[in-house]
Every structure is written in C-alpha cells, then in structure tokens.
C-alpha cells in the first residue's frame, strides 16, 4: 500500500512503530526566465550538466545555487541520492563509505572549485535573495514547492521543476529530504480509537488526497497517486503538473534508516564535517573519517 522506502524509516527491529506522512521526493526547481536568458536548455540530465549550466548562469551577484554551510539539509539530499546515509539497516555507521565522501566533496566543489554556489543567506534574507534573482536553481522536496510560492509570490510563473540531475547517466533522478511519521503510544487511553483514526487518515486514498490538498505534502500511499486531484496544474509553476513529476519519481525515492544515535549524530556531522569543509578549513576525507569515528562512538552507546 505504501512505498517501503518510507515505511522502513519508522521500523525498529522488524516492527513498524509509525506510519509516514510524506514521500518527500526531491526535484530541481529552476528559474525559467534566467535559464532562457542564459541559453540553458532543460532537463539537466546529470550533475555534470548542472556544472556546465552553472558557469553560464553565474555572473555578478547571481549564482547557480545556494549551499547550506552548516546544515545537514543539503548533505542528506546528495548522500541519499548516492544510496548512502549515516547508518545501514543493521545500525552500522556507513557515513565514511564512498557515498558520504562523494556527496560532501560535491557540495564543497560547487562553492570552492566551480564557484557556482555561495552560502545560503540565513532566515528571511534567503527569500529576499531569491526575489532579487540571486539564485537560478534550488533542489528541494515536494514541500519546497509551497515554500517558494509562499515566500516569493512575486515570482509566480518564473519557476518550474525537473527531476534531480543524476550523478551519472542512468542513475537515480531523485532523493529524499524530510519526512514525518505518526505513531500510537501504548500508554494511550483510547488506543483502539486512535488506531482506527490513524488507519482512516493514512490508508484511505480519498482522505490522503484531501490531506495533500490541505497541507501539500506528497503522500506515500500508492493508491492515492492515481487520483487526478494529485496532478492538478500549479499556476505558480506556469501550469506545470508537479504531481505527475512526483509520481514518476516516487518508486525511486531512496531508502534511508533511522537510528537512536542520529539525534546526537546529525549535530556531530554538522560540526565535524559540513562546517569545516564548507569553510575550507579541513579536507573532505579527513572530515568524513573524523566524523565517522564520532558516529561509531555514539552508536556504540545505544548498541550496548
């Protein structure tokens, strides 16, 4: 009924403890007008194509994209597209596998080597920069479509979306960013009622579609994706049917695994890997190795 790539996020020792709210397929949002002005044609099939386009679109105070200098937000997108993460399904740390090294190196190269990206402004300044045309493309999940339309309404009709450029031709054309799950507590005094409500809310296709229309989070329920209401034109995106793009990418949204250590592990990744690398103070390999060692220490505390 639901895509297993999302169900496994809320599974522990073989038991399902929650249901996912959203599928969170990642796409590339881009400024149609800026791309046309620079003579860049879409879709950009690979990240190499993205680099080439970025050289044409980066000029003066305009850059191809923004990167997060301290946050896990960007790294999780690119490490998952490569099939990686922090832990595997057995709780082993995998951050120092090639997927982790390559993802962090990719982000650093956008900024330091290719110089087609700059640090994303913090807070409201981000949307001021977007409105001023300081950025030509941004990767984001389905929910980012609403972020753009809500925070930069003046740019209606100037944005569109395509699949995420692949690492190499034929590779995965999406990733996963975010995700919320809803669980039942065994201490609930109305456990049976709560279970029925959860089933009604998350497993009934009509209810799922209505929820999507209300909160704009693309659902992981396969039956709901067939509903025509999921594919309505989006005026902000020039009438593009974003739901069709999300549906096409849905089966390929990557699996990633939760672990109790990630509550402390993600801040460690930000502190020991992302920040020093994006600031140019540490090499990617050195940062990844140090961070993986710290992740293993944290993980061992939970595996005892």
C-alpha atoms as a PDB file:
ATOM      1  CA  UNK A   1       0.000   0.000   0.000  1.00  0.00           C
ATOM      2  CA  UNK A   2       2.765   2.421   0.968  1.00  0.00           C
ATOM      3  CA  UNK A   3       6.221   2.700  -0.533  1.00  0.00           C
ATOM      4  CA  UNK A   4       8.535   0.606   1.588  1.00  0.00           C
ATOM      5  CA  UNK A   5      11.270   3.214   1.221  1.00  0.00           C
ATOM      6  CA  UNK A   6       9.235   5.334   3.622  1.00  0.00           C
ATOM      7  CA  UNK A   7       7.940   2.608   5.909  1.00  0.00           C
ATOM      8  CA  UNK A   8      11.444   1.444   6.857  1.00  0.00           C
ATOM      9  CA  UNK A   9      12.186   4.841   8.371  1.00  0.00           C
ATOM     10  CA  UNK A  10       9.706   4.020  11.140  1.00  0.00           C
ATOM     11  CA  UNK A  11      10.671   0.400  11.669  1.00  0.00           C
ATOM     12  CA  UNK A  12      12.778  -0.862  14.554  1.00  0.00           C
ATOM     13  CA  UNK A  13      13.961  -4.440  14.963  1.00  0.00           C
ATOM     14  CA  UNK A  14      11.495  -5.568  12.336  1.00  0.00           C
ATOM     15  CA  UNK A  15       8.481  -3.861  13.912  1.00  0.00           C
ATOM     16  CA  UNK A  16       6.563  -0.954  12.380  1.00  0.00           C
ATOM     17  CA  UNK A  17       6.049   1.717  15.039  1.00  0.00           C
ATOM     18  CA  UNK A  18       4.714   4.601  12.924  1.00  0.00           C
ATOM     19  CA  UNK A  19       3.290   5.493   9.521  1.00  0.00           C
ATOM     20  CA  UNK A  20       4.876   8.063   7.216  1.00  0.00           C
ATOM     21  CA  UNK A  21       3.056  11.259   6.306  1.00  0.00           C
ATOM     22  CA  UNK A  22       5.018  12.247   3.214  1.00  0.00           C
ATOM     23  CA  UNK A  23       7.093  10.723   0.424  1.00  0.00           C
ATOM     24  CA  UNK A  24       9.427  13.759   0.067  1.00  0.00           C
ATOM     25  CA  UNK A  25      10.774  13.192  -3.463  1.00  0.00           C
ATOM     26  CA  UNK A  26      13.496  15.739  -4.247  1.00  0.00           C
ATOM     27  CA  UNK A  27      13.498  17.656  -7.542  1.00  0.00           C
ATOM     28  CA  UNK A  28      15.355  20.617  -9.006  1.00  0.00           C
ATOM     29  CA  UNK A  29      13.424  23.892  -9.044  1.00  0.00           C
ATOM     30  CA  UNK A  30      14.755  26.414 -11.541  1.00  0.00           C
ATOM     31  CA  UNK A  31      14.084  29.929 -12.806  1.00  0.00           C
ATOM     32  CA  UNK A  32      12.684  29.536 -16.308  1.00  0.00           C
ATOM     33  CA  UNK A  33      13.400  33.140 -17.274  1.00  0.00           C
ATOM     34  CA  UNK A  34      17.027  33.068 -16.104  1.00  0.00           C
ATOM     35  CA  UNK A  35      17.691  29.748 -17.832  1.00  0.00           C
ATOM     36  CA  UNK A  36      16.225  31.009 -21.097  1.00  0.00           C
ATOM     37  CA  UNK A  37      18.211  34.239 -20.913  1.00  0.00           C
ATOM     38  CA  UNK A  38      21.439  32.271 -20.446  1.00  0.00           C
ATOM     39  CA  UNK A  39      20.553  29.839 -23.241  1.00  0.00           C
ATOM     40  CA  UNK A  40      20.406  26.842 -20.898  1.00  0.00           C
ATOM     41  CA  UNK A  41      18.135  24.025 -22.015  1.00  0.00           C
ATOM     42  CA  UNK A  42      16.372  21.613 -19.680  1.00  0.00           C
ATOM     43  CA  UNK A  43      16.273  18.987 -18.441  1.00  0.00           C
ATOM     44  CA  UNK A  44      19.750  18.956 -16.954  1.00  0.00           C
ATOM     45  CA  UNK A  45      20.347  15.210 -17.090  1.00  0.00           C
ATOM     46  CA  UNK A  46      23.399  14.905 -14.827  1.00  0.00           C
ATOM     47  CA  UNK A  47      25.235  16.956 -12.244  1.00  0.00           C
ATOM     48  CA  UNK A  48      27.964  17.474 -14.834  1.00  0.00           C
ATOM     49  CA  UNK A  49      25.314  19.204 -16.977  1.00  0.00           C
ATOM     50  CA  UNK A  50      24.395  21.227 -13.897  1.00  0.00           C
ATOM     51  CA  UNK A  51      28.019  22.392 -13.561  1.00  0.00           C
ATOM     52  CA  UNK A  52      28.165  23.460 -17.208  1.00  0.00           C
ATOM     53  CA  UNK A  53      24.876  25.339 -16.899  1.00  0.00           C
ATOM     54  CA  UNK A  54      26.096  26.903 -13.674  1.00  0.00           C
ATOM     55  CA  UNK A  55      29.038  28.509 -15.453  1.00  0.00           C
ATOM     56  CA  UNK A  56      26.591  30.249 -17.800  1.00  0.00           C
ATOM     57  CA  UNK A  57      24.195  31.318 -15.065  1.00  0.00           C
ATOM     58  CA  UNK A  58      26.721  32.561 -12.510  1.00  0.00           C
ATOM     59  CA  UNK A  59      27.567  36.220 -13.050  1.00  0.00           C
ATOM     60  CA  UNK A  60      27.854  39.375 -10.953  1.00  0.00           C
ATOM     61  CA  UNK A  61      25.595  38.785  -7.928  1.00  0.00           C
ATOM     62  CA  UNK A  62      23.737  35.841  -9.481  1.00  0.00           C
ATOM     63  CA  UNK A  63      24.718  32.237  -8.699  1.00  0.00           C
ATOM     64  CA  UNK A  64      23.550  28.885  -9.943  1.00  0.00           C
ATOM     65  CA  UNK A  65      22.524  27.744  -6.473  1.00  0.00           C
ATOM     66  CA  UNK A  66      22.900  28.160  -2.727  1.00  0.00           C
ATOM     67  CA  UNK A  67      24.542  25.709  -0.336  1.00  0.00           C
ATOM     68  CA  UNK A  68      23.955  25.318   3.383  1.00  0.00           C
ATOM     69  CA  UNK A  69      27.302  25.993   5.117  1.00  0.00           C
ATOM     70  CA  UNK A  70      26.438  24.292   8.407  1.00  0.00           C
ATOM     71  CA  UNK A  71      23.242  22.298   7.982  1.00  0.00           C
ATOM     72  CA  UNK A  72      22.626  18.609   7.248  1.00  0.00           C
ATOM     73  CA  UNK A  73      19.845  19.761   4.885  1.00  0.00           C
ATOM     74  CA  UNK A  74      21.895  19.637   1.666  1.00  0.00           C
ATOM     75  CA  UNK A  75      24.219  16.772   2.514  1.00  0.00           C
ATOM     76  CA  UNK A  76      21.345  14.393   3.267  1.00  0.00           C
ATOM     77  CA  UNK A  77      19.937  15.002  -0.237  1.00  0.00           C
ATOM     78  CA  UNK A  78      23.165  14.142  -2.016  1.00  0.00           C
ATOM     79  CA  UNK A  79      24.285  11.294   0.205  1.00  0.00           C
ATOM     80  CA  UNK A  80      20.883   9.599  -0.147  1.00  0.00           C
ATOM     81  CA  UNK A  81      20.813  10.068  -3.904  1.00  0.00           C
ATOM     82  CA  UNK A  82      24.035   8.052  -3.920  1.00  0.00           C
ATOM     83  CA  UNK A  83      22.435   5.318  -1.816  1.00  0.00           C
ATOM     84  CA  UNK A  84      24.120   6.285   1.441  1.00  0.00           C
ATOM     85  CA  UNK A  85      23.268   7.682   4.839  1.00  0.00           C
ATOM     86  CA  UNK A  86      24.541   7.695   8.391  1.00  0.00           C
ATOM     87  CA  UNK A  87      23.529   4.110   9.279  1.00  0.00           C
ATOM     88  CA  UNK A  88      22.526   0.993   7.383  1.00  0.00           C
ATOM     89  CA  UNK A  89      19.575  -1.248   8.217  1.00  0.00           C
ATOM     90  CA  UNK A  90      21.637  -3.107  10.830  1.00  0.00           C
ATOM     91  CA  UNK A  91      22.720   0.025  12.653  1.00  0.00           C
ATOM     92  CA  UNK A  92      26.240   0.114  11.243  1.00  0.00           C
ATOM     93  CA  UNK A  93      27.781   3.522  10.523  1.00  0.00           C
ATOM     94  CA  UNK A  94      28.190   3.998   6.759  1.00  0.00           C
ATOM     95  CA  UNK A  95      28.942   7.718   6.582  1.00  0.00           C
ATOM     96  CA  UNK A  96      32.537   7.059   5.515  1.00  0.00           C
ATOM     97  CA  UNK A  97      31.558   4.938   2.532  1.00  0.00           C
ATOM     98  CA  UNK A  98      32.099   6.473  -0.940  1.00  0.00           C
ATOM     99  CA  UNK A  99      28.574   7.918  -0.919  1.00  0.00           C
ATOM    100  CA  UNK A 100      29.416  10.143   2.052  1.00  0.00           C
ATOM    101  CA  UNK A 101      32.779  11.257   0.737  1.00  0.00           C
ATOM    102  CA  UNK A 102      31.441  11.975  -2.748  1.00  0.00           C
ATOM    103  CA  UNK A 103      28.372  13.862  -1.512  1.00  0.00           C
ATOM    104  CA  UNK A 104      30.346  16.199   0.738  1.00  0.00           C
ATOM    105  CA  UNK A 105      33.004  16.714  -1.932  1.00  0.00           C
ATOM    106  CA  UNK A 106      30.289  17.576  -4.460  1.00  0.00           C
ATOM    107  CA  UNK A 107      28.878  20.328  -2.235  1.00  0.00           C
ATOM    108  CA  UNK A 108      32.321  21.708  -1.433  1.00  0.00           C
ATOM    109  CA  UNK A 109      33.259  21.761  -5.115  1.00  0.00           C
ATOM    110  CA  UNK A 110      30.163  23.748  -6.049  1.00  0.00           C
ATOM    111  CA  UNK A 111      31.405  26.515  -3.796  1.00  0.00           C
ATOM    112  CA  UNK A 112      35.210  26.307  -3.819  1.00  0.00           C
ATOM    113  CA  UNK A 113      36.184  24.681  -7.131  1.00  0.00           C
ATOM    114  CA  UNK A 114      33.468  25.590  -9.618  1.00  0.00           C
ATOM    115  CA  UNK A 115      32.409  28.766  -7.795  1.00  0.00           C
ATOM    116  CA  UNK A 116      28.799  28.497  -8.949  1.00  0.00           C
ATOM    117  CA  UNK A 117      27.354  28.432  -5.426  1.00  0.00           C
ATOM    118  CA  UNK A 118      27.507  30.618  -2.342  1.00  0.00           C
ATOM    119  CA  UNK A 119      26.309  30.136   1.221  1.00  0.00           C
ATOM    120  CA  UNK A 120      22.551  30.437   1.552  1.00  0.00           C
ATOM    121  CA  UNK A 121      21.542  33.601   3.420  1.00  0.00           C
ATOM    122  CA  UNK A 122      20.062  32.914   6.841  1.00  0.00           C
ATOM    123  CA  UNK A 123      16.441  33.485   7.815  1.00  0.00           C
ATOM    124  CA  UNK A 124      14.273  35.969   5.892  1.00  0.00           C
ATOM    125  CA  UNK A 125      17.321  37.146   3.940  1.00  0.00           C
ATOM    126  CA  UNK A 126      17.110  33.923   1.947  1.00  0.00           C
ATOM    127  CA  UNK A 127      13.809  34.894   0.393  1.00  0.00           C
ATOM    128  CA  UNK A 128      14.990  38.429  -0.211  1.00  0.00           C
ATOM    129  CA  UNK A 129      17.879  36.999  -2.233  1.00  0.00           C
ATOM    130  CA  UNK A 130      15.546  34.637  -4.125  1.00  0.00           C
ATOM    131  CA  UNK A 131      13.261  37.543  -5.054  1.00  0.00           C
ATOM    132  CA  UNK A 132      16.233  39.606  -6.252  1.00  0.00           C
ATOM    133  CA  UNK A 133      17.287  36.844  -8.658  1.00  0.00           C
ATOM    134  CA  UNK A 134      20.438  35.897  -6.775  1.00  0.00           C
ATOM    135  CA  UNK A 135      19.860  32.184  -7.396  1.00  0.00           C
ATOM    136  CA  UNK A 136      18.877  30.304 -10.560  1.00  0.00           C
ATOM    137  CA  UNK A 137      18.133  26.835  -9.174  1.00  0.00           C
ATOM    138  CA  UNK A 138      17.408  25.150  -5.856  1.00  0.00           C
ATOM    139  CA  UNK A 139      16.969  21.480  -5.040  1.00  0.00           C
ATOM    140  CA  UNK A 140      14.160  20.628  -2.664  1.00  0.00           C
ATOM    141  CA  UNK A 141      11.473  18.106  -1.808  1.00  0.00           C
ATOM    142  CA  UNK A 142       7.825  18.272  -2.827  1.00  0.00           C
ATOM    143  CA  UNK A 143       7.083  20.551   0.134  1.00  0.00           C
ATOM    144  CA  UNK A 144       9.629  23.090  -1.097  1.00  0.00           C
ATOM    145  CA  UNK A 145       7.241  23.971  -3.918  1.00  0.00           C
ATOM    146  CA  UNK A 146       4.988  25.635  -1.356  1.00  0.00           C
ATOM    147  CA  UNK A 147       7.938  27.305   0.377  1.00  0.00           C
ATOM    148  CA  UNK A 148       8.759  29.055  -2.885  1.00  0.00           C
ATOM    149  CA  UNK A 149       5.224  30.132  -3.720  1.00  0.00           C
ATOM    150  CA  UNK A 150       4.504  31.321  -0.165  1.00  0.00           C
ATOM    151  CA  UNK A 151       7.748  33.238   0.328  1.00  0.00           C
ATOM    152  CA  UNK A 152       8.314  34.612  -3.184  1.00  0.00           C
ATOM    153  CA  UNK A 153       4.814  35.124  -4.641  1.00  0.00           C
ATOM    154  CA  UNK A 154       6.170  37.881  -6.902  1.00  0.00           C
ATOM    155  CA  UNK A 155       7.955  35.220  -8.965  1.00  0.00           C
ATOM    156  CA  UNK A 156       4.807  33.368  -9.987  1.00  0.00           C
ATOM    157  CA  UNK A 157       5.208  31.875 -13.447  1.00  0.00           C
ATOM    158  CA  UNK A 158       9.013  32.139 -13.336  1.00  0.00           C
ATOM    159  CA  UNK A 159       9.754  28.820 -11.634  1.00  0.00           C
ATOM    160  CA  UNK A 160       9.473  25.252 -12.910  1.00  0.00           C
ATOM    161  CA  UNK A 161      10.720  21.872 -11.763  1.00  0.00           C
ATOM    162  CA  UNK A 162      12.560  18.932 -13.290  1.00  0.00           C
ATOM    163  CA  UNK A 163      13.897  15.666 -11.918  1.00  0.00           C
ATOM    164  CA  UNK A 164      17.067  15.845  -9.854  1.00  0.00           C
ATOM    165  CA  UNK A 165      20.135  15.581 -12.123  1.00  0.00           C
ATOM    166  CA  UNK A 166      21.685  12.127 -11.852  1.00  0.00           C
ATOM    167  CA  UNK A 167      25.198  11.515 -10.580  1.00  0.00           C
ATOM    168  CA  UNK A 168      25.821   9.605 -13.816  1.00  0.00           C
ATOM    169  CA  UNK A 169      23.558   8.933 -16.780  1.00  0.00           C
ATOM    170  CA  UNK A 170      21.061   6.227 -15.859  1.00  0.00           C
ATOM    171  CA  UNK A 171      21.433   6.712 -12.092  1.00  0.00           C
ATOM    172  CA  UNK A 172      18.712   7.747  -9.633  1.00  0.00           C
ATOM    173  CA  UNK A 173      16.984  11.033 -10.524  1.00  0.00           C
ATOM    174  CA  UNK A 174      15.639  11.945  -7.092  1.00  0.00           C
ATOM    175  CA  UNK A 175      16.440  11.783  -3.402  1.00  0.00           C
ATOM    176  CA  UNK A 176      14.637  12.149  -0.076  1.00  0.00           C
ATOM    177  CA  UNK A 177      14.507  15.176   2.212  1.00  0.00           C
ATOM    178  CA  UNK A 178      12.483  15.273   5.377  1.00  0.00           C
ATOM    179  CA  UNK A 179       9.609  13.088   6.372  1.00  0.00           C
ATOM    180  CA  UNK A 180       7.238  12.989   9.288  1.00  0.00           C
ATOM    181  CA  UNK A 181       5.768   9.905  10.928  1.00  0.00           C
ATOM    182  CA  UNK A 182       2.786   9.466  13.224  1.00  0.00           C
ATOM    183  CA  UNK A 183       2.860   6.811  15.931  1.00  0.00           C
ATOM    184  CA  UNK A 184       0.482   5.474  18.580  1.00  0.00           C
ATOM    185  CA  UNK A 185       1.619   5.492  22.191  1.00  0.00           C
ATOM    186  CA  UNK A 186       0.927   2.305  24.125  1.00  0.00           C
ATOM    187  CA  UNK A 187       0.070   4.483  27.116  1.00  0.00           C
ATOM    188  CA  UNK A 188      -2.906   5.977  25.266  1.00  0.00           C
ATOM    189  CA  UNK A 189      -6.254   5.527  27.000  1.00  0.00           C
ATOM    190  CA  UNK A 190      -8.008   5.402  23.614  1.00  0.00           C
ATOM    191  CA  UNK A 191      -5.619   3.130  21.744  1.00  0.00           C
ATOM    192  CA  UNK A 192      -8.267   1.384  19.637  1.00  0.00           C
ATOM    193  CA  UNK A 193      -9.886   4.653  18.615  1.00  0.00           C
ATOM    194  CA  UNK A 194      -6.515   6.198  17.829  1.00  0.00           C
ATOM    195  CA  UNK A 195      -5.591   3.201  15.675  1.00  0.00           C
ATOM    196  CA  UNK A 196      -8.803   3.475  13.685  1.00  0.00           C
ATOM    197  CA  UNK A 197      -8.247   7.207  13.206  1.00  0.00           C
ATOM    198  CA  UNK A 198      -4.695   6.566  12.001  1.00  0.00           C
ATOM    199  CA  UNK A 199      -5.948   3.973   9.532  1.00  0.00           C
ATOM    200  CA  UNK A 200      -8.697   6.300   8.296  1.00  0.00           C
ATOM    201  CA  UNK A 201      -6.277   9.202   7.903  1.00  0.00           C
ATOM    202  CA  UNK A 202      -3.285   7.452   6.325  1.00  0.00           C
ATOM    203  CA  UNK A 203      -4.679   4.422   4.483  1.00  0.00           C
ATOM    204  CA  UNK A 204      -7.897   5.705   2.929  1.00  0.00           C
ATOM    205  CA  UNK A 205      -6.996   7.058  -0.549  1.00  0.00           C
ATOM    206  CA  UNK A 206      -9.628   9.792  -0.541  1.00  0.00           C
ATOM    207  CA  UNK A 207      -8.611  11.050   2.907  1.00  0.00           C
ATOM    208  CA  UNK A 208      -4.970  11.009   1.840  1.00  0.00           C
ATOM    209  CA  UNK A 209      -5.713  13.106  -1.256  1.00  0.00           C
ATOM    210  CA  UNK A 210      -7.734  15.601   0.788  1.00  0.00           C
ATOM    211  CA  UNK A 211      -4.855  15.901   3.249  1.00  0.00           C
ATOM    212  CA  UNK A 212      -2.474  16.553   0.351  1.00  0.00           C
ATOM    213  CA  UNK A 213      -4.750  19.336  -0.878  1.00  0.00           C
ATOM    214  CA  UNK A 214      -4.725  20.858   2.613  1.00  0.00           C
ATOM    215  CA  UNK A 215      -1.044  20.604   3.601  1.00  0.00           C
ATOM    216  CA  UNK A 216       0.723  19.988   0.261  1.00  0.00           C
ATOM    217  CA  UNK A 217       2.836  17.034   1.415  1.00  0.00           C
ATOM    218  CA  UNK A 218       3.016  14.419  -1.330  1.00  0.00           C
ATOM    219  CA  UNK A 219       1.790  11.122   0.212  1.00  0.00           C
ATOM    220  CA  UNK A 220       3.480   7.701   0.218  1.00  0.00           C
ATOM    221  CA  UNK A 221       0.213   5.783  -0.339  1.00  0.00           C
ATOM    222  CA  UNK A 222       0.425   4.228  -3.810  1.00  0.00           C
ATOM    223  CA  UNK A 223      -3.350   4.103  -4.409  1.00  0.00           C
ATOM    224  CA  UNK A 224      -3.698   7.838  -3.796  1.00  0.00           C
ATOM    225  CA  UNK A 225      -1.232   8.742  -6.533  1.00  0.00           C
ATOM    226  CA  UNK A 226      -3.684   7.546  -9.190  1.00  0.00           C
ATOM    227  CA  UNK A 227      -6.233  10.197  -8.216  1.00  0.00           C
ATOM    228  CA  UNK A 228      -6.442  13.039 -10.795  1.00  0.00           C
ATOM    229  CA  UNK A 229      -6.591  15.578  -7.966  1.00  0.00           C
ATOM    230  CA  UNK A 230      -2.941  14.737  -7.293  1.00  0.00           C
ATOM    231  CA  UNK A 231      -1.957  16.015 -10.745  1.00  0.00           C
ATOM    232  CA  UNK A 232      -3.677  19.364 -10.981  1.00  0.00           C
ATOM    233  CA  UNK A 233      -1.805  22.256 -12.670  1.00  0.00           C
ATOM    234  CA  UNK A 234       0.129  24.587 -10.386  1.00  0.00           C
ATOM    235  CA  UNK A 235      -0.339  28.216 -11.516  1.00  0.00           C
ATOM    236  CA  UNK A 236       2.798  29.382  -9.696  1.00  0.00           C
ATOM    237  CA  UNK A 237       4.815  26.935 -11.816  1.00  0.00           C
ATOM    238  CA  UNK A 238       3.347  28.088 -15.106  1.00  0.00           C
ATOM    239  CA  UNK A 239       0.636  25.438 -15.007  1.00  0.00           C
ATOM    240  CA  UNK A 240       3.108  22.572 -14.626  1.00  0.00           C
ATOM    241  CA  UNK A 241       1.595  19.432 -13.106  1.00  0.00           C
ATOM    242  CA  UNK A 242       4.113  18.832 -10.362  1.00  0.00           C
ATOM    243  CA  UNK A 243       2.149  15.807  -9.166  1.00  0.00           C
ATOM    244  CA  UNK A 244       2.990  13.995 -12.398  1.00  0.00           C
ATOM    245  CA  UNK A 245       6.696  14.614 -11.834  1.00  0.00           C
ATOM    246  CA  UNK A 246       6.484  13.401  -8.215  1.00  0.00           C
ATOM    247  CA  UNK A 247       4.534  10.296  -9.273  1.00  0.00           C
ATOM    248  CA  UNK A 248       7.160   9.460 -11.897  1.00  0.00           C
ATOM    249  CA  UNK A 249       9.936   9.693  -9.314  1.00  0.00           C
ATOM    250  CA  UNK A 250       8.066   8.042  -6.428  1.00  0.00           C
ATOM    251  CA  UNK A 251       9.267   4.438  -6.960  1.00  0.00           C
ATOM    252  CA  UNK A 252      12.885   5.608  -6.971  1.00  0.00           C
ATOM    253  CA  UNK A 253      12.852   7.651  -3.748  1.00  0.00           C
ATOM    254  CA  UNK A 254      15.779   6.160  -1.795  1.00  0.00           C
ATOM    255  CA  UNK A 255      15.565   4.214   1.412  1.00  0.00           C
ATOM    256  CA  UNK A 256      17.373   5.522   4.456  1.00  0.00           C
ATOM    257  CA  UNK A 257      17.480   4.245   8.010  1.00  0.00           C
ATOM    258  CA  UNK A 258      16.893   5.872  11.351  1.00  0.00           C
ATOM    259  CA  UNK A 259      18.953   5.087  14.432  1.00  0.00           C
ATOM    260  CA  UNK A 260      18.670   6.344  18.030  1.00  0.00           C
ATOM    261  CA  UNK A 261      22.179   7.795  17.761  1.00  0.00           C
ATOM    262  CA  UNK A 262      21.192  10.197  14.999  1.00  0.00           C
ATOM    263  CA  UNK A 263      19.763  12.698  17.478  1.00  0.00           C
ATOM    264  CA  UNK A 264      23.350  13.401  18.524  1.00  0.00           C
ATOM    265  CA  UNK A 265      24.859  12.173  15.277  1.00  0.00           C
ATOM    266  CA  UNK A 266      23.457  14.819  12.948  1.00  0.00           C
ATOM    267  CA  UNK A 267      24.860  17.719  15.029  1.00  0.00           C
ATOM    268  CA  UNK A 268      28.203  15.902  15.023  1.00  0.00           C
ATOM    269  CA  UNK A 269      28.120  15.695  11.226  1.00  0.00           C
ATOM    270  CA  UNK A 270      27.391  19.396  11.017  1.00  0.00           C
ATOM    271  CA  UNK A 271      30.109  20.329  13.497  1.00  0.00           C
ATOM    272  CA  UNK A 272      32.902  17.969  12.406  1.00  0.00           C
ATOM    273  CA  UNK A 273      32.280  17.615   8.672  1.00  0.00           C
ATOM    274  CA  UNK A 274      29.986  20.113   6.992  1.00  0.00           C
ATOM    275  CA  UNK A 275      31.094  23.337   8.669  1.00  0.00           C
ATOM    276  CA  UNK A 276      34.900  22.880   8.438  1.00  0.00           C
ATOM    277  CA  UNK A 277      34.744  21.573   4.856  1.00  0.00           C
ATOM    278  CA  UNK A 278      32.424  24.287   3.591  1.00  0.00           C
ATOM    279  CA  UNK A 279      34.644  26.874   5.294  1.00  0.00           C
ATOM    280  CA  UNK A 280      37.694  25.397   3.564  1.00  0.00           C
ATOM    281  CA  UNK A 281      39.375  24.531   6.858  1.00  0.00           C
ATOM    282  CA  UNK A 282      39.516  20.745   6.502  1.00  0.00           C
ATOM    283  CA  UNK A 283      39.759  18.202   3.673  1.00  0.00           C
ATOM    284  CA  UNK A 284      36.733  16.097   2.842  1.00  0.00           C
ATOM    285  CA  UNK A 285      38.444  12.765   3.587  1.00  0.00           C
ATOM    286  CA  UNK A 286      39.808  13.998   6.920  1.00  0.00           C
ATOM    287  CA  UNK A 287      36.440  15.396   7.968  1.00  0.00           C
ATOM    288  CA  UNK A 288      34.491  12.294   6.957  1.00  0.00           C
ATOM    289  CA  UNK A 289      36.911   9.961   8.766  1.00  0.00           C
ATOM    290  CA  UNK A 290      36.791  12.018  11.964  1.00  0.00           C
ATOM    291  CA  UNK A 291      33.009  12.269  11.819  1.00  0.00           C
ATOM    292  CA  UNK A 292      32.523   8.547  11.178  1.00  0.00           C
ATOM    293  CA  UNK A 293      34.664   7.750  14.215  1.00  0.00           C
ATOM    294  CA  UNK A 294      32.493  10.016  16.349  1.00  0.00           C
ATOM    295  CA  UNK A 295      29.320   8.450  14.929  1.00  0.00           C
ATOM    296  CA  UNK A 296      30.587   4.990  15.861  1.00  0.00           C
ATOM    297  CA  UNK A 297      31.234   6.094  19.444  1.00  0.00           C
ATOM    298  CA  UNK A 298      27.713   7.495  19.675  1.00  0.00           C
ATOM    299  CA  UNK A 299      26.238   4.389  18.092  1.00  0.00           C
ATOM    300  CA  UNK A 300      28.027   2.048  20.474  1.00  0.00           C
ATOM    301  CA  UNK A 301      26.301   3.740  23.412  1.00  0.00           C
ATOM    302  CA  UNK A 302      22.929   2.667  22.026  1.00  0.00           C
ATOM    303  CA  UNK A 303      24.021  -0.811  20.975  1.00  0.00           C
ATOM    304  CA  UNK A 304      25.185  -1.863  24.443  1.00  0.00           C
END
